[in-house]
Protein backbone atom coordinates (compact mmCIF):
# COMPACT_ATOMS: atom_id res chain seq x y z
CA MET A 1 0.00 0.00 0.00
CA LEU A 2 2.86 2.36 0.84
CA ILE A 3 4.49 1.72 -2.54
CA LEU A 4 1.22 2.51 -4.33
CA THR A 5 0.99 5.75 -2.33
CA ILE A 6 4.50 6.74 -3.42
CA ILE A 7 3.70 5.96 -7.06
CA ALA A 8 0.56 8.11 -6.85
CA GLU A 9 2.56 10.95 -5.24
CA LEU A 10 5.17 10.79 -8.00
CA LEU A 11 2.47 10.94 -10.67
CA ILE A 12 0.88 13.95 -8.99
CA LEU A 13 4.26 15.65 -8.67
CA TYR A 14 5.04 14.99 -12.33
CA PHE A 15 1.71 16.51 -13.37
CA LEU A 16 2.28 19.57 -11.16
CA SER A 17 5.84 20.00 -12.39
CA SER A 18 4.91 19.98 -16.08
CA HIS A 19 2.16 22.57 -15.56
CA LEU A 20 3.99 24.78 -13.08
CA THR A 21 6.96 25.46 -15.33
CA SER A 22 4.71 26.40 -18.24
CA ILE A 23 2.51 28.68 -16.11
CA LEU A 24 5.53 30.34 -14.49
CA TYR A 25 7.08 31.07 -17.89
CA ASN A 26 3.85 32.52 -19.29
CA LEU A 27 3.40 34.64 -16.15
CA LEU A 28 6.93 36.03 -16.43
CA LEU A 29 6.37 36.72 -20.12
CA ARG A 30 3.19 38.67 -19.32
CA ILE A 31 5.01 40.71 -16.69
CA VAL A 32 8.32 41.55 -18.42
CA ARG A 33 6.95 41.39 -22.02
CA VAL A 34 10.36 40.30 -23.34
CA ARG A 35 10.95 36.62 -24.10
CA SER A 36 14.71 36.68 -23.43
CA ILE A 37 14.23 38.35 -20.04
CA ALA A 38 11.52 35.84 -19.07
CA ILE A 39 13.85 32.96 -19.97
CA SER A 40 16.70 34.56 -18.00
CA ILE A 41 14.54 34.87 -14.87
CA LEU A 42 13.32 31.30 -15.32
CA THR A 43 16.94 30.17 -15.65
CA ILE A 44 17.82 31.77 -12.32
CA ILE A 45 14.75 30.35 -10.56
CA TYR A 46 15.39 26.78 -11.67
CA LEU A 47 19.21 26.96 -11.75
CA PRO A 48 19.89 24.75 -8.67
CA GLY A 49 17.59 22.02 -9.95
CA THR A 50 18.88 22.30 -13.52
CA ILE A 51 22.50 22.00 -12.38
CA ILE A 52 21.72 18.92 -10.29
CA HIS A 53 19.73 17.38 -13.17
CA GLU A 54 22.46 17.77 -15.78
CA LEU A 55 25.33 16.91 -13.41
CA ALA A 56 23.48 13.71 -12.47
CA HIS A 57 23.42 12.76 -16.16
CA LEU A 58 27.09 13.66 -16.49
CA MET A 59 28.18 11.82 -13.32
CA ILE A 60 26.51 8.53 -14.25
CA ALA A 61 27.66 8.85 -17.87
CA GLU A 62 31.27 9.25 -16.72
CA ILE A 63 30.96 6.30 -14.32
CA LEU A 64 29.53 4.10 -17.08
CA ARG A 65 32.04 5.42 -19.65
CA VAL A 66 29.36 6.87 -21.89
CA PRO A 67 30.70 9.65 -24.16
CA THR A 68 29.25 13.10 -23.49
CA GLY A 69 29.35 16.45 -25.23
CA GLU A 70 28.19 20.00 -24.59
CA ILE A 71 26.31 20.72 -21.37
CA SER A 72 23.85 23.62 -20.95
CA PHE A 73 21.93 24.97 -17.96
CA ILE A 74 19.74 27.38 -19.96
CA PRO A 75 16.04 26.54 -20.52
CA LEU A 76 14.75 26.12 -24.06
CA VAL A 77 11.22 27.24 -24.93
CA GLU A 78 9.51 25.14 -27.58
CA SER A 79 6.02 25.37 -29.07
CA ALA A 80 3.93 22.32 -28.18
CA ASP A 81 1.11 23.56 -30.44
CA LYS A 82 -0.33 26.85 -31.69
CA ASN A 83 -1.54 27.97 -28.26
CA THR A 84 0.90 26.52 -25.74
CA GLN A 85 4.62 26.52 -25.17
CA GLU A 86 6.75 24.01 -23.31
CA VAL A 87 9.85 24.90 -21.35
CA LYS A 88 12.66 22.37 -21.39
CA MET A 89 15.42 22.92 -18.89
CA GLY A 90 19.17 22.40 -19.55
CA SER A 91 20.67 19.72 -21.75
CA LEU A 92 23.63 17.36 -22.05
CA LYS A 93 24.69 15.74 -25.30
CA ILE A 94 25.16 12.00 -24.85
CA GLY A 95 26.96 9.81 -27.38
CA ASN A 96 25.84 6.47 -28.74
CA THR A 97 25.79 3.60 -26.27
CA ASP A 98 23.83 0.47 -25.42
CA GLN A 99 20.24 0.69 -24.15
CA ILE A 100 21.02 -0.32 -20.57
CA ARG A 101 23.63 2.40 -20.01
CA ARG A 102 21.47 4.93 -21.87
CA PHE A 103 18.59 4.05 -19.56
CA LEU A 104 20.72 4.42 -16.41
CA VAL A 105 22.05 7.79 -17.56
CA GLY A 106 18.51 8.89 -18.43
CA ILE A 107 16.95 8.13 -15.02
CA ALA A 108 19.93 9.46 -13.01
CA PRO A 109 18.38 12.92 -12.33
CA PHE A 110 15.22 11.31 -10.98
CA LEU A 111 17.09 9.11 -8.51
CA VAL A 112 19.48 11.89 -7.48
CA GLY A 113 16.55 14.28 -7.12
CA LEU A 114 14.76 11.93 -4.72
CA ILE A 115 17.91 11.53 -2.62
CA MET A 116 18.42 15.30 -2.55
CA THR A 117 14.85 16.07 -1.47
CA ILE A 118 14.98 13.53 1.38
CA SER A 119 18.38 14.90 2.47
CA LEU A 120 17.15 18.51 2.43
CA LEU A 121 14.12 17.66 4.53
CA TYR A 122 16.37 15.84 7.01
CA VAL A 123 18.62 18.90 7.26
CA TRP A 124 15.59 21.11 7.86
CA GLN A 125 14.17 18.86 10.58
CA THR A 126 17.56 18.59 12.30
CA PHE A 127 18.21 22.33 12.28
CA ILE A 128 14.68 23.29 13.32
CA SER A 129 14.87 21.00 16.34
CA GLN A 130 18.13 22.64 17.47
CA THR A 131 17.18 26.32 17.33
CA THR A 132 14.42 28.47 18.74
CA ILE A 133 15.41 31.68 16.94
CA LEU A 134 12.44 32.61 14.78
CA ILE A 135 14.41 34.40 12.05
CA GLN A 136 16.76 31.46 11.59
CA ARG A 137 13.90 28.97 11.48
CA ALA A 138 11.96 31.07 8.97
CA GLY A 139 15.03 31.73 6.83
CA LEU A 140 16.02 28.08 6.64
CA THR A 141 12.42 27.03 5.96
CA LEU A 142 12.20 29.42 3.00
CA LEU A 143 15.62 28.35 1.69
CA ILE A 144 14.87 24.62 1.97
CA GLY A 145 11.41 25.17 0.49
CA TYR A 146 12.96 26.94 -2.50
CA PHE A 147 15.50 24.16 -3.11
CA LEU A 148 12.78 21.51 -2.79
CA PHE A 149 10.74 23.42 -5.37
CA ALA A 150 13.67 23.85 -7.79
CA ILE A 151 14.89 20.26 -7.52
CA SER A 152 11.47 18.59 -7.62
CA ASN A 153 10.54 20.50 -10.77
CA SER A 154 13.79 19.55 -12.51
CA MET A 155 14.32 15.92 -11.51
CA PHE A 156 11.96 14.15 -13.91
CA SER A 157 13.59 12.64 -16.97
CA SER A 158 12.42 14.02 -20.31
CA LYS A 159 11.30 11.99 -23.30
CA LYS A 160 14.74 12.59 -24.78
CA ASP A 161 16.38 11.25 -21.61
CA LEU A 162 14.36 8.04 -21.80
CA GLU A 163 14.70 7.63 -25.56
CA GLY A 164 15.14 3.95 -26.40
CA SER A 165 14.23 2.86 -22.86
CA LEU A 166 10.91 1.28 -23.81
CA GLY A 167 12.62 -2.06 -24.36
CA ILE A 168 14.13 -1.96 -20.87
CA PHE A 169 10.73 -1.29 -19.31
CA LEU A 170 9.17 -4.14 -21.28
CA ILE A 171 11.89 -6.58 -20.23
CA LEU A 172 11.54 -5.59 -16.57
CA ALA A 173 7.75 -5.94 -16.79
CA ILE A 174 8.02 -9.40 -18.37
CA LEU A 175 10.57 -10.54 -15.78
CA GLY A 176 8.35 -9.24 -12.98
CA PHE A 177 5.32 -11.05 -14.38
CA LEU A 178 7.21 -14.31 -14.84
CA SER A 179 8.66 -14.10 -11.33
CA TYR A 180 5.19 -13.57 -9.88
CA TYR A 181 3.66 -16.31 -12.05
CA PHE A 182 6.22 -18.92 -10.99
CA GLY A 183 6.01 -17.94 -7.33
CA LEU A 184 9.36 -16.22 -7.02
CA ARG A 185 9.25 -13.66 -4.18
CA ILE A 186 11.83 -11.37 -2.66
CA ALA A 187 10.79 -11.01 0.96
CA LEU A 188 12.49 -8.68 3.40
CA THR A 189 12.51 -9.70 7.03
CA GLY A 190 13.82 -8.43 10.34
CA GLN A 191 16.07 -5.37 10.28
CA LEU A 192 16.06 -5.09 6.47
CA LEU A 193 12.27 -4.86 6.49
CA GLN A 194 12.35 -2.14 9.15
CA ILE A 195 14.96 -0.13 7.20
CA ALA A 196 12.92 -0.46 3.99
CA ASN A 197 9.74 0.69 5.77
CA ILE A 198 11.53 3.69 7.29
CA LEU A 199 12.98 4.70 3.90
CA LEU A 200 9.61 4.37 2.16
CA LEU A 201 7.82 6.31 4.92
CA ASN A 202 10.40 9.11 4.72
CA LEU A 203 10.09 9.18 0.94
CA SER A 204 6.28 9.34 1.09
CA TYR A 205 6.43 12.07 3.74
CA THR A 206 8.94 14.08 1.70
CA LEU A 207 6.91 13.76 -1.51
CA GLY A 208 3.79 14.90 0.36
CA ILE A 209 5.55 18.05 1.54
CA VAL A 210 6.99 18.74 -1.93
CA ILE A 211 3.54 18.30 -3.49
CA GLY A 212 2.14 20.79 -0.97
CA ILE A 213 4.84 23.35 -1.83
CA ASN A 214 4.24 22.96 -5.56
CA LEU A 215 0.47 23.15 -5.15
CA VAL A 216 0.73 26.46 -3.30
CA ILE A 217 3.14 27.93 -5.86
CA LEU A 218 1.09 26.64 -8.78
CA THR A 219 -2.14 28.06 -7.36
CA VAL A 220 -0.64 31.49 -6.67
CA ASN A 221 0.98 31.71 -10.11
CA ALA A 222 -2.17 30.52 -11.88
CA LEU A 223 -4.32 33.09 -10.05
CA VAL A 224 -1.91 35.92 -10.85
CA LEU A 225 -1.68 34.84 -14.50
CA HIS A 226 -5.47 34.67 -14.87
CA PHE A 227 -5.79 38.09 -13.21
CA LEU A 228 -3.29 39.61 -15.65
CA LEU A 229 -5.10 38.01 -18.60
CA PHE A 230 -8.37 39.43 -17.28
CA LEU A 231 -6.86 42.92 -17.03
CA PHE A 232 -5.40 42.63 -20.51
CA LYS A 233 -8.79 41.68 -21.99
CA ALA A 234 -10.53 44.43 -20.00
CA LYS A 235 -8.19 47.05 -21.49
CA LEU A 236 -9.00 45.82 -24.97
């Protein structure tokens, strides 16, 4: 049940992330009226998450000896259709390699992002419990909240990252089905089971907090954007 909860939280977070970036870009574009300036502000806002995303690709690629090329931390705005635009964060050119290594390099930002969010929440909880100074608590809460926002909205692998990974997913699904069909089970017991439960609980708790942060930011940005669109139409 806990695993299903985590999967649901990840799906919700992915949905929020894809919409939040687009809404934030359109809001900035409405405010500054200059595309290059809007992209520059967006670059600064997402910079910590973008750096972690691309460095995760690069780190795993180097470990697996996958050739890499130019790396960029600047978002790219592309038209999804006539009425909407998609914002793709930084990029890293990856050379030809086998599907398994390509898959591992592709999902690296997601795994690193999860580790980073759990670590940040642990740092926040540890510091908060050790200080009673309101300014320090508020400052760290805002800082950690910002990093959770930036990382969580940059950690999901793009379609380009997972290009050619369909075969890997199919193989894993078939192996899982065959293992279940023939009664093969991997059961954790004792201390390993307790550690696994603690890790999953912490992950679920962290994802819940991150979803809350993104929901608040998404709601505020959406309301401001709709208000500006209303004013623009009223002036016309």
